[in-house]
Amino acid sequence: MSRSHARIFLRQGKFVVADQSANGTYVRMQHRAEIELHREEFVLLGSGSIGLGQSVDEVGEHALSFQVG
């Protein structure tokens, strides 16, 4: 994980996570399968967790939590 691994920002009223890393960003939203991003963007909905460089399960308690809405 680097200091500029990923960004979270607001675009047109929606929160977006953008991966900027070589190792990927992993997003798990409630009741959905985990999504792996590689230099991609994804709109965050509801609640869930984000793993930087590793799966949310692998990151464990160090995963970032989010709740939108």
Protein backbone atom coordinates (compact mmCIF):
# COMPACT_ATOMS: atom_id res chain seq x y z
CA MET A 1 0.00 0.00 0.00
CA SER A 2 1.26 3.47 -0.86
CA ARG A 3 0.19 6.94 0.22
CA SER A 4 -1.68 7.37 -3.08
CA HIS A 5 -3.09 3.85 -3.32
CA ALA A 6 -6.67 4.96 -3.95
CA ARG A 7 -8.86 8.05 -3.82
CA ILE A 8 -12.43 8.46 -2.61
CA PHE A 9 -14.23 11.50 -3.95
CA LEU A 10 -17.67 12.92 -4.69
CA ARG A 11 -18.78 13.06 -8.33
CA GLN A 12 -22.27 14.21 -9.32
CA GLY A 13 -23.62 13.41 -5.86
CA LYS A 14 -22.10 9.90 -5.70
CA PHE A 15 -19.06 8.69 -3.77
CA VAL A 16 -16.50 7.03 -6.03
CA VAL A 17 -13.41 4.98 -5.15
CA ALA A 18 -10.61 5.09 -7.73
CA ASP A 19 -7.71 2.62 -7.58
CA GLN A 20 -4.31 4.16 -8.39
CA SER A 21 -2.11 1.23 -7.37
CA ALA A 22 -0.25 -1.73 -8.81
CA ASN A 23 -1.82 -4.15 -6.30
CA GLY A 24 -5.49 -3.25 -6.64
CA THR A 25 -8.26 -2.12 -4.35
CA TYR A 26 -10.94 -4.51 -3.14
CA VAL A 27 -14.51 -3.39 -2.41
CA ARG A 28 -17.11 -5.48 -0.60
CA MET A 29 -20.58 -4.00 -0.26
CA GLN A 30 -23.20 -5.48 2.01
CA HIS A 31 -24.85 -8.60 0.50
CA ARG A 32 -22.57 -8.56 -2.59
CA ALA A 33 -19.45 -10.34 -3.74
CA GLU A 34 -16.11 -8.59 -3.40
CA ILE A 35 -15.00 -6.54 -6.42
CA GLU A 36 -11.33 -6.13 -7.39
CA LEU A 37 -10.35 -2.82 -9.00
CA HIS A 38 -7.18 -2.24 -11.04
CA ARG A 39 -6.81 1.39 -12.12
CA GLU A 40 -10.60 1.58 -12.24
CA GLU A 41 -13.34 3.55 -10.53
CA PHE A 42 -16.39 2.23 -8.70
CA VAL A 43 -19.45 3.97 -7.22
CA LEU A 44 -19.89 3.17 -3.51
CA LEU A 45 -23.44 2.33 -2.44
CA GLY A 46 -24.88 1.39 0.94
CA SER A 47 -22.27 0.10 3.36
CA GLY A 48 -19.23 -2.11 3.12
CA SER A 49 -15.46 -2.40 3.38
CA ILE A 50 -12.42 -1.56 1.30
CA GLY A 51 -9.14 -3.49 1.27
CA LEU A 52 -6.06 -1.70 -0.01
CA GLY A 53 -3.77 -4.09 -1.89
CA GLN A 54 -5.44 -7.20 -0.47
CA SER A 55 -8.85 -8.77 -0.13
CA VAL A 56 -11.03 -7.42 2.67
CA ASP A 57 -10.74 -10.81 4.37
CA GLU A 58 -6.93 -10.70 4.21
CA VAL A 59 -6.76 -7.12 5.51
CA GLY A 60 -9.07 -8.00 8.40
CA GLU A 61 -9.47 -5.28 11.02
CA HIS A 62 -7.40 -2.86 8.90
CA ALA A 63 -10.06 -2.68 6.18
CA LEU A 64 -11.68 0.69 5.63
CA SER A 65 -15.41 0.81 6.39
CA PHE A 66 -17.89 3.03 4.58
CA GLN A 67 -21.58 3.88 4.76
CA VAL A 68 -23.23 6.00 2.08
CA GLY A 69 -26.72 7.38 2.30
